[in-house]
Amino acid sequence: MTTVNITTNKNTVTVDESNSSVIQVATQGPQGASAADSVNVDNAVNRSIVYYDSTSSSLKADANWTTSTITDGGNF
């Protein structure tokens, strides 16, 4: 029998490998920025692809890169 302990400041989880049950562990973590706050979609068009623009140091979705502009007659 092998026991695995995962310890944080508040919680300890012990897994017994002889138990065939499915064990799920979840904990709330820090939340990141929402996409609306981080991606410039002011000039987005149908099928825009999000890319990083180093000139403006931002993520953008516009007509420069779409599913049509990155393929050469193929499908995306």
Protein backbone atom coordinates (compact mmCIF):
# COMPACT_ATOMS: atom_id res chain seq x y z
CA MET A 1 0.00 0.00 0.00
CA THR A 2 1.31 3.45 -0.95
CA THR A 3 0.06 6.62 0.68
CA VAL A 4 0.46 10.00 -0.96
CA ASN A 5 0.13 13.13 1.14
CA ILE A 6 -0.43 16.53 -0.42
CA THR A 7 -0.15 19.28 2.15
CA THR A 8 -0.82 23.01 1.95
CA ASN A 9 -1.14 25.56 4.71
CA LYS A 10 -4.79 24.56 5.31
CA ASN A 11 -5.49 21.13 3.80
CA THR A 12 -4.10 17.59 3.72
CA VAL A 13 -5.23 15.00 1.20
CA THR A 14 -4.43 11.31 1.67
CA VAL A 15 -4.90 8.88 -1.23
CA ASP A 16 -5.09 5.16 -0.52
CA GLU A 17 -4.18 3.27 -3.73
CA SER A 18 -6.01 0.14 -2.58
CA ASN A 19 -9.31 2.05 -2.81
CA SER A 20 -10.67 1.92 -6.37
CA SER A 21 -12.93 4.95 -5.89
CA VAL A 22 -12.46 8.06 -7.98
CA ILE A 23 -11.21 10.93 -5.84
CA GLN A 24 -11.55 14.55 -6.89
CA VAL A 25 -10.00 17.45 -5.03
CA ALA A 26 -10.82 21.08 -5.79
CA THR A 27 -9.76 24.31 -4.21
CA GLN A 28 -10.49 27.90 -5.12
CA GLY A 29 -7.49 29.70 -6.53
CA PRO A 30 -6.74 33.25 -7.61
CA GLN A 31 -8.79 34.61 -10.46
CA GLY A 32 -7.11 36.05 -13.56
CA ALA A 33 -8.19 38.98 -15.68
CA SER A 34 -11.23 38.46 -17.86
CA ALA A 35 -10.72 38.32 -21.62
CA ALA A 36 -12.76 41.51 -22.12
CA ASP A 37 -10.20 43.39 -20.01
CA SER A 38 -7.17 41.97 -21.81
CA VAL A 39 -8.00 41.59 -25.52
CA ASN A 40 -8.64 44.56 -27.81
CA VAL A 41 -11.67 43.56 -29.91
CA ASP A 42 -12.61 47.06 -31.12
CA ASN A 43 -11.79 46.17 -34.76
CA ALA A 44 -12.68 42.48 -34.67
CA VAL A 45 -14.29 40.99 -37.76
CA ASN A 46 -15.93 37.65 -38.40
CA ARG A 47 -13.45 34.80 -37.68
CA SER A 48 -10.76 37.06 -36.19
CA ILE A 49 -7.87 35.31 -34.45
CA VAL A 50 -6.38 36.75 -31.26
CA TYR A 51 -2.68 37.65 -31.59
CA TYR A 52 -0.04 39.62 -29.68
CA ASP A 53 0.92 43.01 -31.14
CA SER A 54 4.34 44.05 -29.80
CA THR A 55 3.93 47.64 -31.04
CA SER A 56 1.01 48.25 -28.70
CA SER A 57 2.03 45.54 -26.17
CA SER A 58 -1.46 44.11 -26.26
CA LEU A 59 -3.55 41.22 -27.46
CA LYS A 60 -5.74 42.06 -30.47
CA ALA A 61 -8.43 40.50 -32.62
CA ASP A 62 -8.89 42.33 -35.95
CA ALA A 63 -8.84 41.88 -39.73
CA ASN A 64 -5.04 41.41 -39.87
CA TRP A 65 -5.27 37.76 -38.80
CA THR A 66 -8.41 35.76 -39.54
CA THR A 67 -9.09 32.15 -40.44
CA SER A 68 -8.97 33.28 -44.10
CA THR A 69 -5.64 35.17 -43.92
CA ILE A 70 -3.68 32.32 -42.31
CA THR A 71 -4.67 29.68 -44.85
CA ASP A 72 -3.77 29.40 -48.52
CA GLY A 73 -6.99 28.11 -49.99
CA GLY A 74 -7.49 25.60 -47.22
CA ASN A 75 -9.96 25.37 -44.38
CA PHE A 76 -9.38 26.31 -40.78
